[in-house]
């Protein structure tokens, strides 16, 4: 599944301007403790979190996550969006809970 498909199927908001349509998704990781995510998220994962500080961009880059998905209505301040754009990191946003998003993502990946 590609990020562009995920955005449409899960009705997500794209917060960054970085090109995202062709990046593939291979899995999902849910976590809010940055050091934990750094050691466990895999390349190609959608990282679902409520964290919205500047360090999420660095962690996403280090782990090569496909994108960051902010859940529960959390948004990213302009400085984070700008830094993500500089680094080519995609940030998405949803009102749904992490559990809801992970279930929907799992169902879509398994199709």
PDB file of N, CA and C in Angstrom:
ATOM      1  N   UNK A   1       0.843  -1.176   0.000  1.00  0.00           N
ATOM      2  CA  UNK A   1       0.000   0.000   0.000  1.00  0.00           C
ATOM      3  C   UNK A   1       0.889   1.240   0.000  1.00  0.00           C
ATOM      4  N   UNK A   2       0.457   2.228  -0.702  1.00  0.00           N
ATOM      5  CA  UNK A   2       1.167   3.509  -0.794  1.00  0.00           C
ATOM      6  C   UNK A   2       0.533   4.533   0.152  1.00  0.00           C
ATOM      7  N   UNK A   3       1.321   5.515   0.545  1.00  0.00           N
ATOM      8  CA  UNK A   3       0.806   6.557   1.433  1.00  0.00           C
ATOM      9  C   UNK A   3      -0.384   7.265   0.804  1.00  0.00           C
ATOM     10  N   UNK A   4      -0.337   7.515  -0.495  1.00  0.00           N
ATOM     11  CA  UNK A   4      -1.455   8.196  -1.162  1.00  0.00           C
ATOM     12  C   UNK A   4      -2.758   7.402  -1.008  1.00  0.00           C
ATOM     13  N   UNK A   5      -2.669   6.084  -1.068  1.00  0.00           N
ATOM     14  CA  UNK A   5      -3.860   5.236  -0.876  1.00  0.00           C
ATOM     15  C   UNK A   5      -4.338   5.300   0.565  1.00  0.00           C
ATOM     16  N   UNK A   6      -3.392   5.278   1.490  1.00  0.00           N
ATOM     17  CA  UNK A   6      -3.722   5.351   2.913  1.00  0.00           C
ATOM     18  C   UNK A   6      -4.464   6.641   3.235  1.00  0.00           C
ATOM     19  N   UNK A   7      -3.979   7.752   2.701  1.00  0.00           N
ATOM     20  CA  UNK A   7      -4.602   9.055   2.943  1.00  0.00           C
ATOM     21  C   UNK A   7      -6.064   9.034   2.517  1.00  0.00           C
ATOM     22  N   UNK A   8      -6.333   8.464   1.349  1.00  0.00           N
ATOM     23  CA  UNK A   8      -7.707   8.417   0.841  1.00  0.00           C
ATOM     24  C   UNK A   8      -8.579   7.449   1.629  1.00  0.00           C
ATOM     25  N   UNK A   9      -8.080   6.247   1.871  1.00  0.00           N
ATOM     26  CA  UNK A   9      -8.891   5.203   2.504  1.00  0.00           C
ATOM     27  C   UNK A   9      -9.193   5.485   3.961  1.00  0.00           C
ATOM     28  N   UNK A  10      -8.263   6.126   4.674  1.00  0.00           N
ATOM     29  CA  UNK A  10      -8.479   6.421   6.083  1.00  0.00           C
ATOM     30  C   UNK A  10      -8.907   7.860   6.320  1.00  0.00           C
ATOM     31  N   UNK A  11      -9.098   8.631   5.220  1.00  0.00           N
ATOM     32  CA  UNK A  11      -9.545  10.017   5.292  1.00  0.00           C
ATOM     33  C   UNK A  11      -8.627  10.849   6.190  1.00  0.00           C
ATOM     34  N   UNK A  12      -7.344  10.844   5.865  1.00  0.00           N
ATOM     35  CA  UNK A  12      -6.340  11.538   6.665  1.00  0.00           C
ATOM     36  C   UNK A  12      -6.057  12.924   6.105  1.00  0.00           C
ATOM     37  N   UNK A  13      -5.587  13.791   6.966  1.00  0.00           N
ATOM     38  CA  UNK A  13      -5.158  15.127   6.573  1.00  0.00           C
ATOM     39  C   UNK A  13      -3.644  15.115   6.421  1.00  0.00           C
ATOM     40  N   UNK A  14      -3.152  15.657   5.333  1.00  0.00           N
ATOM     41  CA  UNK A  14      -1.710  15.760   5.101  1.00  0.00           C
ATOM     42  C   UNK A  14      -1.254  17.128   5.590  1.00  0.00           C
ATOM     43  N   UNK A  15      -0.348  17.147   6.553  1.00  0.00           N
ATOM     44  CA  UNK A  15       0.110  18.413   7.132  1.00  0.00           C
ATOM     45  C   UNK A  15       1.346  18.968   6.446  1.00  0.00           C
ATOM     46  N   UNK A  16       2.123  18.125   5.791  1.00  0.00           N
ATOM     47  CA  UNK A  16       3.367  18.549   5.155  1.00  0.00           C
ATOM     48  C   UNK A  16       3.187  18.686   3.653  1.00  0.00           C
ATOM     49  N   UNK A  17       4.154  19.343   3.034  1.00  0.00           N
ATOM     50  CA  UNK A  17       4.129  19.525   1.585  1.00  0.00           C
ATOM     51  C   UNK A  17       5.009  18.516   0.856  1.00  0.00           C
ATOM     52  N   UNK A  18       5.742  17.692   1.601  1.00  0.00           N
ATOM     53  CA  UNK A  18       6.654  16.726   0.984  1.00  0.00           C
ATOM     54  C   UNK A  18       5.891  15.762   0.094  1.00  0.00           C
ATOM     55  N   UNK A  19       6.535  15.337  -0.983  1.00  0.00           N
ATOM     56  CA  UNK A  19       5.937  14.361  -1.905  1.00  0.00           C
ATOM     57  C   UNK A  19       5.762  13.029  -1.171  1.00  0.00           C
ATOM     58  N   UNK A  20       4.574  12.460  -1.241  1.00  0.00           N
ATOM     59  CA  UNK A  20       4.301  11.255  -0.476  1.00  0.00           C
ATOM     60  C   UNK A  20       3.627  10.152  -1.268  1.00  0.00           C
ATOM     61  N   UNK A  21       3.193  10.402  -2.461  1.00  0.00           N
ATOM     62  CA  UNK A  21       2.290   9.482  -3.151  1.00  0.00           C
ATOM     63  C   UNK A  21       2.864   8.106  -3.434  1.00  0.00           C
ATOM     64  N   UNK A  22       4.177   7.993  -3.663  1.00  0.00           N
ATOM     65  CA  UNK A  22       4.748   6.713  -4.063  1.00  0.00           C
ATOM     66  C   UNK A  22       5.411   5.941  -2.933  1.00  0.00           C
ATOM     67  N   UNK A  23       5.513   6.500  -1.749  1.00  0.00           N
ATOM     68  CA  UNK A  23       6.180   5.807  -0.643  1.00  0.00           C
ATOM     69  C   UNK A  23       5.321   4.634  -0.192  1.00  0.00           C
ATOM     70  N   UNK A  24       5.921   3.470  -0.106  1.00  0.00           N
ATOM     71  CA  UNK A  24       5.207   2.273   0.311  1.00  0.00           C
ATOM     72  C   UNK A  24       5.134   2.141   1.820  1.00  0.00           C
ATOM     73  N   UNK A  25       4.118   1.434   2.267  1.00  0.00           N
ATOM     74  CA  UNK A  25       3.899   1.157   3.687  1.00  0.00           C
ATOM     75  C   UNK A  25       4.012  -0.348   3.880  1.00  0.00           C
ATOM     76  N   UNK A  26       4.799  -0.747   4.878  1.00  0.00           N
ATOM     77  CA  UNK A  26       4.959  -2.173   5.136  1.00  0.00           C
ATOM     78  C   UNK A  26       4.397  -2.606   6.483  1.00  0.00           C
ATOM     79  N   UNK A  27       4.115  -1.649   7.372  1.00  0.00           N
ATOM     80  CA  UNK A  27       3.611  -1.997   8.695  1.00  0.00           C
ATOM     81  C   UNK A  27       3.226  -0.769   9.477  1.00  0.00           C
ATOM     82  N   UNK A  28       3.138  -0.962  10.782  1.00  0.00           N
ATOM     83  CA  UNK A  28       2.665   0.101  11.663  1.00  0.00           C
ATOM     84  C   UNK A  28       3.381  -0.027  12.999  1.00  0.00           C
ATOM     85  N   UNK A  29       3.704   1.100  13.589  1.00  0.00           N
ATOM     86  CA  UNK A  29       4.237   1.114  14.952  1.00  0.00           C
ATOM     87  C   UNK A  29       3.519   2.205  15.718  1.00  0.00           C
ATOM     88  N   UNK A  30       3.082   1.897  16.930  1.00  0.00           N
ATOM     89  CA  UNK A  30       2.414   2.867  17.785  1.00  0.00           C
ATOM     90  C   UNK A  30       3.296   3.107  18.997  1.00  0.00           C
ATOM     91  N   UNK A  31       3.639   4.361  19.249  1.00  0.00           N
ATOM     92  CA  UNK A  31       4.455   4.665  20.413  1.00  0.00           C
ATOM     93  C   UNK A  31       4.644   6.151  20.589  1.00  0.00           C
ATOM     94  N   UNK A  32       4.825   6.529  21.858  1.00  0.00           N
ATOM     95  CA  UNK A  32       5.001   7.935  22.202  1.00  0.00           C
ATOM     96  C   UNK A  32       6.320   8.216  22.915  1.00  0.00           C
ATOM     97  N   UNK A  33       7.002   7.188  23.329  1.00  0.00           N
ATOM     98  CA  UNK A  33       8.305   7.363  23.965  1.00  0.00           C
ATOM     99  C   UNK A  33       9.367   7.297  22.871  1.00  0.00           C
ATOM    100  N   UNK A  34       9.977   8.420  22.569  1.00  0.00           N
ATOM    101  CA  UNK A  34      10.838   8.533  21.396  1.00  0.00           C
ATOM    102  C   UNK A  34      11.976   7.518  21.388  1.00  0.00           C
ATOM    103  N   UNK A  35      12.623   7.306  22.512  1.00  0.00           N
ATOM    104  CA  UNK A  35      13.731   6.345  22.551  1.00  0.00           C
ATOM    105  C   UNK A  35      13.240   4.928  22.278  1.00  0.00           C
ATOM    106  N   UNK A  36      12.041   4.625  22.703  1.00  0.00           N
ATOM    107  CA  UNK A  36      11.435   3.310  22.459  1.00  0.00           C
ATOM    108  C   UNK A  36      11.151   3.135  20.965  1.00  0.00           C
ATOM    109  N   UNK A  37      10.598   4.160  20.356  1.00  0.00           N
ATOM    110  CA  UNK A  37      10.289   4.128  18.926  1.00  0.00           C
ATOM    111  C   UNK A  37      11.574   3.977  18.117  1.00  0.00           C
ATOM    112  N   UNK A  38      12.627   4.686  18.507  1.00  0.00           N
ATOM    113  CA  UNK A  38      13.900   4.608  17.792  1.00  0.00           C
ATOM    114  C   UNK A  38      14.438   3.185  17.740  1.00  0.00           C
ATOM    115  N   UNK A  39      14.213   2.419  18.780  1.00  0.00           N
ATOM    116  CA  UNK A  39      14.730   1.062  18.844  1.00  0.00           C
ATOM    117  C   UNK A  39      13.819   0.002  18.263  1.00  0.00           C
ATOM    118  N   UNK A  40      12.569   0.363  17.947  1.00  0.00           N
ATOM    119  CA  UNK A  40      11.614  -0.664  17.553  1.00  0.00           C
ATOM    120  C   UNK A  40      10.869  -0.429  16.236  1.00  0.00           C
ATOM    121  N   UNK A  41      10.686   0.810  15.855  1.00  0.00           N
ATOM    122  CA  UNK A  41       9.985   1.080  14.589  1.00  0.00           C
ATOM    123  C   UNK A  41      10.855   0.597  13.429  1.00  0.00           C
ATOM    124  N   UNK A  42      10.204   0.128  12.395  1.00  0.00           N
ATOM    125  CA  UNK A  42      10.901  -0.433  11.239  1.00  0.00           C
ATOM    126  C   UNK A  42      10.766   0.483  10.020  1.00  0.00           C
ATOM    127  N   UNK A  43      11.692   0.354   9.122  1.00  0.00           N
ATOM    128  CA  UNK A  43      11.621   1.079   7.861  1.00  0.00           C
ATOM    129  C   UNK A  43      10.309   0.738   7.158  1.00  0.00           C
ATOM    130  N   UNK A  44       9.607   1.758   6.693  1.00  0.00           N
ATOM    131  CA  UNK A  44       8.337   1.551   5.999  1.00  0.00           C
ATOM    132  C   UNK A  44       7.118   1.553   6.899  1.00  0.00           C
ATOM    133  N   UNK A  45       7.314   1.639   8.215  1.00  0.00           N
ATOM    134  CA  UNK A  45       6.175   1.682   9.143  1.00  0.00           C
ATOM    135  C   UNK A  45       5.470   3.033   9.093  1.00  0.00           C
ATOM    136  N   UNK A  46       4.179   3.001   9.318  1.00  0.00           N
ATOM    137  CA  UNK A  46       3.425   4.202   9.651  1.00  0.00           C
ATOM    138  C   UNK A  46       3.586   4.340  11.168  1.00  0.00           C
ATOM    139  N   UNK A  47       4.154   5.441  11.614  1.00  0.00           N
ATOM    140  CA  UNK A  47       4.343   5.653  13.049  1.00  0.00           C
ATOM    141  C   UNK A  47       3.161   6.453  13.565  1.00  0.00           C
ATOM    142  N   UNK A  48       2.338   5.824  14.404  1.00  0.00           N
ATOM    143  CA  UNK A  48       1.167   6.468  14.989  1.00  0.00           C
ATOM    144  C   UNK A  48       1.530   6.962  16.381  1.00  0.00           C
ATOM    145  N   UNK A  49       1.286   8.244  16.634  1.00  0.00           N
ATOM    146  CA  UNK A  49       1.685   8.849  17.900  1.00  0.00           C
ATOM    147  C   UNK A  49       0.830  10.071  18.227  1.00  0.00           C
ATOM    148  N   UNK A  50       0.927  10.493  19.488  1.00  0.00           N
ATOM    149  CA  UNK A  50       0.338  11.767  19.893  1.00  0.00           C
ATOM    150  C   UNK A  50       1.430  12.811  20.137  1.00  0.00           C
ATOM    151  N   UNK A  51       2.696  12.395  20.001  1.00  0.00           N
ATOM    152  CA  UNK A  51       3.823  13.313  20.210  1.00  0.00           C
ATOM    153  C   UNK A  51       3.840  14.369  19.106  1.00  0.00           C
ATOM    154  N   UNK A  52       4.019  15.602  19.497  1.00  0.00           N
ATOM    155  CA  UNK A  52       4.109  16.659  18.486  1.00  0.00           C
ATOM    156  C   UNK A  52       5.216  17.653  18.820  1.00  0.00           C
ATOM    157  N   UNK A  53       6.378  17.100  19.176  1.00  0.00           N
ATOM    158  CA  UNK A  53       7.519  17.998  19.351  1.00  0.00           C
ATOM    159  C   UNK A  53       8.515  17.776  18.215  1.00  0.00           C
ATOM    160  N   UNK A  54       9.453  18.653  18.080  1.00  0.00           N
ATOM    161  CA  UNK A  54      10.371  18.666  16.944  1.00  0.00           C
ATOM    162  C   UNK A  54      11.154  17.367  16.801  1.00  0.00           C
ATOM    163  N   UNK A  55      11.347  16.651  17.882  1.00  0.00           N
ATOM    164  CA  UNK A  55      12.143  15.425  17.833  1.00  0.00           C
ATOM    165  C   UNK A  55      11.478  14.286  17.063  1.00  0.00           C
ATOM    166  N   UNK A  56      10.179  14.377  16.798  1.00  0.00           N
ATOM    167  CA  UNK A  56       9.531  13.318  16.020  1.00  0.00           C
ATOM    168  C   UNK A  56      10.094  13.255  14.608  1.00  0.00           C
ATOM    169  N   UNK A  57      10.520  14.397  14.096  1.00  0.00           N
ATOM    170  CA  UNK A  57      11.092  14.442  12.747  1.00  0.00           C
ATOM    171  C   UNK A  57      12.405  13.663  12.726  1.00  0.00           C
ATOM    172  N   UNK A  58      13.249  13.874  13.711  1.00  0.00           N
ATOM    173  CA  UNK A  58      14.532  13.170  13.781  1.00  0.00           C
ATOM    174  C   UNK A  58      14.333  11.671  13.948  1.00  0.00           C
ATOM    175  N   UNK A  59      13.399  11.276  14.791  1.00  0.00           N
ATOM    176  CA  UNK A  59      13.144   9.854  15.021  1.00  0.00           C
ATOM    177  C   UNK A  59      12.605   9.199  13.755  1.00  0.00           C
ATOM    178  N   UNK A  60      11.707   9.876  13.069  1.00  0.00           N
ATOM    179  CA  UNK A  60      11.173   9.331  11.817  1.00  0.00           C
ATOM    180  C   UNK A  60      12.276   9.167  10.775  1.00  0.00           C
ATOM    181  N   UNK A  61      13.188  10.115  10.721  1.00  0.00           N
ATOM    182  CA  UNK A  61      14.296  10.028   9.775  1.00  0.00           C
ATOM    183  C   UNK A  61      15.243   8.881  10.143  1.00  0.00           C
ATOM    184  N   UNK A  62      15.551   8.744  11.426  1.00  0.00           N
ATOM    185  CA  UNK A  62      16.449   7.675  11.880  1.00  0.00           C
ATOM    186  C   UNK A  62      15.887   6.281  11.611  1.00  0.00           C
ATOM    187  N   UNK A  63      14.594   6.126  11.790  1.00  0.00           N
ATOM    188  CA  UNK A  63      13.965   4.805  11.633  1.00  0.00           C
ATOM    189  C   UNK A  63      13.485   4.560  10.209  1.00  0.00           C
ATOM    190  N   UNK A  64      13.524   5.568   9.374  1.00  0.00           N
ATOM    191  CA  UNK A  64      13.036   5.502   7.997  1.00  0.00           C
ATOM    192  C   UNK A  64      11.559   5.116   7.939  1.00  0.00           C
ATOM    193  N   UNK A  65      10.781   5.634   8.877  1.00  0.00           N
ATOM    194  CA  UNK A  65       9.329   5.404   8.854  1.00  0.00           C
ATOM    195  C   UNK A  65       8.763   5.970   7.557  1.00  0.00           C
ATOM    196  N   UNK A  66       7.718   5.330   7.065  1.00  0.00           N
ATOM    197  CA  UNK A  66       7.067   5.825   5.854  1.00  0.00           C
ATOM    198  C   UNK A  66       6.460   7.199   6.104  1.00  0.00           C
ATOM    199  N   UNK A  67       5.900   7.375   7.310  1.00  0.00           N
ATOM    200  CA  UNK A  67       5.285   8.650   7.670  1.00  0.00           C
ATOM    201  C   UNK A  67       4.984   8.656   9.153  1.00  0.00           C
ATOM    202  N   UNK A  68       4.672   9.838   9.659  1.00  0.00           N
ATOM    203  CA  UNK A  68       4.186  10.022  11.027  1.00  0.00           C
ATOM    204  C   UNK A  68       2.698  10.281  10.923  1.00  0.00           C
ATOM    205  N   UNK A  69       1.913   9.586  11.729  1.00  0.00           N
ATOM    206  CA  UNK A  69       0.466   9.790  11.752  1.00  0.00           C
ATOM    207  C   UNK A  69       0.069  10.246  13.146  1.00  0.00           C
ATOM    208  N   UNK A  70      -0.253  11.527  13.267  1.00  0.00           N
ATOM    209  CA  UNK A  70      -0.704  12.083  14.542  1.00  0.00           C
ATOM    210  C   UNK A  70      -2.170  11.728  14.733  1.00  0.00           C
ATOM    211  N   UNK A  71      -2.490  11.138  15.870  1.00  0.00           N
ATOM    212  CA  UNK A  71      -3.858  10.684  16.122  1.00  0.00           C
ATOM    213  C   UNK A  71      -4.555  11.558  17.158  1.00  0.00           C
ATOM    214  N   UNK A  72      -5.823  11.278  17.372  1.00  0.00           N
ATOM    215  CA  UNK A  72      -6.662  11.929  18.386  1.00  0.00           C
ATOM    216  C   UNK A  72      -6.718  13.443  18.242  1.00  0.00           C
ATOM    217  N   UNK A  73      -6.629  13.919  17.005  1.00  0.00           N
ATOM    218  CA  UNK A  73      -6.763  15.351  16.755  1.00  0.00           C
ATOM    219  C   UNK A  73      -5.518  16.169  17.036  1.00  0.00           C
ATOM    220  N   UNK A  74      -4.428  15.512  17.405  1.00  0.00           N
ATOM    221  CA  UNK A  74      -3.179  16.229  17.644  1.00  0.00           C
ATOM    222  C   UNK A  74      -2.687  16.791  16.315  1.00  0.00           C
ATOM    223  N   UNK A  75      -2.213  18.014  16.348  1.00  0.00           N
ATOM    224  CA  UNK A  75      -1.670  18.637  15.153  1.00  0.00           C
ATOM    225  C   UNK A  75      -0.206  18.973  15.397  1.00  0.00           C
ATOM    226  N   UNK A  76       0.470  19.390  14.367  1.00  0.00           N
ATOM    227  CA  UNK A  76       1.880  19.754  14.485  1.00  0.00           C
ATOM    228  C   UNK A  76       2.036  21.253  14.295  1.00  0.00           C
ATOM    229  N   UNK A  77       2.782  21.897  15.190  1.00  0.00           N
ATOM    230  CA  UNK A  77       3.058  23.327  15.012  1.00  0.00           C
ATOM    231  C   UNK A  77       3.835  23.570  13.717  1.00  0.00           C
ATOM    232  N   UNK A  78       3.799  24.797  13.258  1.00  0.00           N
ATOM    233  CA  UNK A  78       4.421  25.170  11.990  1.00  0.00           C
ATOM    234  C   UNK A  78       5.908  24.837  11.936  1.00  0.00           C
ATOM    235  N   UNK A  79       6.625  25.019  13.033  1.00  0.00           N
ATOM    236  CA  UNK A  79       8.065  24.732  13.021  1.00  0.00           C
ATOM    237  C   UNK A  79       8.343  23.245  12.787  1.00  0.00           C
ATOM    238  N   UNK A  80       7.484  22.381  13.272  1.00  0.00           N
ATOM    239  CA  UNK A  80       7.647  20.936  13.057  1.00  0.00           C
ATOM    240  C   UNK A  80       7.322  20.587  11.610  1.00  0.00           C
ATOM    241  N   UNK A  81       6.260  21.146  11.091  1.00  0.00           N
ATOM    242  CA  UNK A  81       5.886  20.904   9.692  1.00  0.00           C
ATOM    243  C   UNK A  81       7.002  21.376   8.763  1.00  0.00           C
ATOM    244  N   UNK A  82       7.552  22.541   9.030  1.00  0.00           N
ATOM    245  CA  UNK A  82       8.642  23.073   8.203  1.00  0.00           C
ATOM    246  C   UNK A  82       9.872  22.176   8.255  1.00  0.00           C
ATOM    247  N   UNK A  83      10.237  21.716   9.449  1.00  0.00           N
ATOM    248  CA  UNK A  83      11.393  20.826   9.596  1.00  0.00           C
ATOM    249  C   UNK A  83      11.134  19.498   8.888  1.00  0.00           C
ATOM    250  N   UNK A  84       9.931  18.970   9.005  1.00  0.00           N
ATOM    251  CA  UNK A  84       9.583  17.723   8.324  1.00  0.00           C
ATOM    252  C   UNK A  84       9.702  17.890   6.816  1.00  0.00           C
ATOM    253  N   UNK A  85       9.243  18.997   6.301  1.00  0.00           N
ATOM    254  CA  UNK A  85       9.369  19.264   4.863  1.00  0.00           C
ATOM    255  C   UNK A  85      10.838  19.323   4.442  1.00  0.00           C
ATOM    256  N   UNK A  86      11.674  19.962   5.254  1.00  0.00           N
ATOM    257  CA  UNK A  86      13.112  20.029   4.953  1.00  0.00           C
ATOM    258  C   UNK A  86      13.726  18.635   4.881  1.00  0.00           C
ATOM    259  N   UNK A  87      13.264  17.746   5.748  1.00  0.00           N
ATOM    260  CA  UNK A  87      13.833  16.396   5.843  1.00  0.00           C
ATOM    261  C   UNK A  87      13.109  15.380   4.963  1.00  0.00           C
ATOM    262  N   UNK A  88      12.024  15.787   4.310  1.00  0.00           N
ATOM    263  CA  UNK A  88      11.273  14.868   3.462  1.00  0.00           C
ATOM    264  C   UNK A  88      10.431  13.875   4.247  1.00  0.00           C
ATOM    265  N   UNK A  89      10.039  14.267   5.449  1.00  0.00           N
ATOM    266  CA  UNK A  89       9.214  13.421   6.311  1.00  0.00           C
ATOM    267  C   UNK A  89       7.754  13.819   6.144  1.00  0.00           C
ATOM    268  N   UNK A  90       6.893  12.840   5.939  1.00  0.00           N
ATOM    269  CA  UNK A  90       5.461  13.100   5.760  1.00  0.00           C
ATOM    270  C   UNK A  90       4.782  13.050   7.129  1.00  0.00           C
ATOM    271  N   UNK A  91       3.975  14.055   7.428  1.00  0.00           N
ATOM    272  CA  UNK A  91       3.177  14.046   8.655  1.00  0.00           C
ATOM    273  C   UNK A  91       1.705  14.086   8.254  1.00  0.00           C
ATOM    274  N   UNK A  92       0.967  13.100   8.766  1.00  0.00           N
ATOM    275  CA  UNK A  92      -0.470  12.999   8.535  1.00  0.00           C
ATOM    276  C   UNK A  92      -1.187  13.214   9.855  1.00  0.00           C
ATOM    277  N   UNK A  93      -2.492  13.468   9.798  1.00  0.00           N
ATOM    278  CA  UNK A  93      -3.249  13.750  11.011  1.00  0.00           C
ATOM    279  C   UNK A  93      -4.631  13.141  10.900  1.00  0.00           C
ATOM    280  N   UNK A  94      -5.158  12.689  12.064  1.00  0.00           N
ATOM    281  CA  UNK A  94      -6.506  12.125  12.138  1.00  0.00           C
ATOM    282  C   UNK A  94      -7.119  12.407  13.502  1.00  0.00           C
ATOM    283  N   UNK A  95      -8.432  12.434  13.536  1.00  0.00           N
ATOM    284  CA  UNK A  95      -9.166  12.577  14.787  1.00  0.00           C
ATOM    285  C   UNK A  95      -9.325  11.232  15.498  1.00  0.00           C
ATOM    286  N   UNK A  96      -9.084  10.142  14.791  1.00  0.00           N
ATOM    287  CA  UNK A  96      -9.302   8.797  15.339  1.00  0.00           C
ATOM    288  C   UNK A  96      -8.227   8.445  16.359  1.00  0.00           C
ATOM    289  N   UNK A  97      -8.520   7.420  17.187  1.00  0.00           N
ATOM    290  CA  UNK A  97      -7.555   6.944  18.164  1.00  0.00           C
ATOM    291  C   UNK A  97      -6.484   6.097  17.478  1.00  0.00           C
ATOM    292  N   UNK A  98      -5.389   5.881  18.171  1.00  0.00           N
ATOM    293  CA  UNK A  98      -4.318   5.034  17.640  1.00  0.00           C
ATOM    294  C   UNK A  98      -4.850   3.633  17.353  1.00  0.00           C
ATOM    295  N   UNK A  99      -5.668   3.106  18.236  1.00  0.00           N
ATOM    296  CA  UNK A  99      -6.237   1.774  18.044  1.00  0.00           C
ATOM    297  C   UNK A  99      -7.098   1.712  16.781  1.00  0.00           C
ATOM    298  N   UNK A 100      -7.977   2.677  16.611  1.00  0.00           N
ATOM    299  CA  UNK A 100      -8.827   2.706  15.421  1.00  0.00           C
ATOM    300  C   UNK A 100      -7.988   2.759  14.148  1.00  0.00           C
ATOM    301  N   UNK A 101      -6.985   3.620  14.146  1.00  0.00           N
ATOM    302  CA  UNK A 101      -6.136   3.767  12.963  1.00  0.00           C
ATOM    303  C   UNK A 101      -5.352   2.495  12.673  1.00  0.00           C
ATOM    304  N   UNK A 102      -4.818   1.872  13.715  1.00  0.00           N
ATOM    305  CA  UNK A 102      -4.054   0.640  13.516  1.00  0.00           C
ATOM    306  C   UNK A 102      -4.950  -0.478  12.970  1.00  0.00           C
ATOM    307  N   UNK A 103      -6.169  -0.578  13.476  1.00  0.00           N
ATOM    308  CA  UNK A 103      -7.101  -1.592  12.980  1.00  0.00           C
ATOM    309  C   UNK A 103      -7.437  -1.346  11.507  1.00  0.00           C
ATOM    310  N   UNK A 104      -7.734  -0.117  11.166  1.00  0.00           N
ATOM    311  CA  UNK A 104      -8.073   0.217   9.768  1.00  0.00           C
ATOM    312  C   UNK A 104      -6.862   0.006   8.854  1.00  0.00           C
ATOM    313  N   UNK A 105      -5.688   0.392   9.317  1.00  0.00           N
ATOM    314  CA  UNK A 105      -4.478   0.205   8.521  1.00  0.00           C
ATOM    315  C   UNK A 105      -4.199  -1.278   8.305  1.00  0.00           C
ATOM    316  N   UNK A 106      -4.336  -2.062   9.349  1.00  0.00           N
ATOM    317  CA  UNK A 106      -4.126  -3.507   9.250  1.00  0.00           C
ATOM    318  C   UNK A 106      -5.073  -4.131   8.233  1.00  0.00           C
ATOM    319  N   UNK A 107      -6.329  -3.741   8.306  1.00  0.00           N
ATOM    320  CA  UNK A 107      -7.326  -4.282   7.359  1.00  0.00           C
ATOM    321  C   UNK A 107      -6.965  -3.923   5.923  1.00  0.00           C
ATOM    322  N   UNK A 108      -6.465  -2.722   5.710  1.00  0.00           N
ATOM    323  CA  UNK A 108      -6.114  -2.294   4.347  1.00  0.00           C
ATOM    324  C   UNK A 108      -4.859  -3.007   3.841  1.00  0.00           C
ATOM    325  N   UNK A 109      -3.877  -3.187   4.700  1.00  0.00           N
ATOM    326  CA  UNK A 109      -2.642  -3.858   4.299  1.00  0.00           C
ATOM    327  C   UNK A 109      -2.913  -5.324   3.957  1.00  0.00           C
ATOM    328  N   UNK A 110      -3.854  -5.951   4.663  1.00  0.00           N
ATOM    329  CA  UNK A 110      -4.140  -7.365   4.458  1.00  0.00           C
ATOM    330  C   UNK A 110      -4.999  -7.629   3.218  1.00  0.00           C
ATOM    331  N   UNK A 111      -5.524  -6.599   2.592  1.00  0.00           N
ATOM    332  CA  UNK A 111      -6.362  -6.788   1.390  1.00  0.00           C
ATOM    333  C   UNK A 111      -5.536  -7.274   0.231  1.00  0.00           C
TER     334      UNK A 111
END
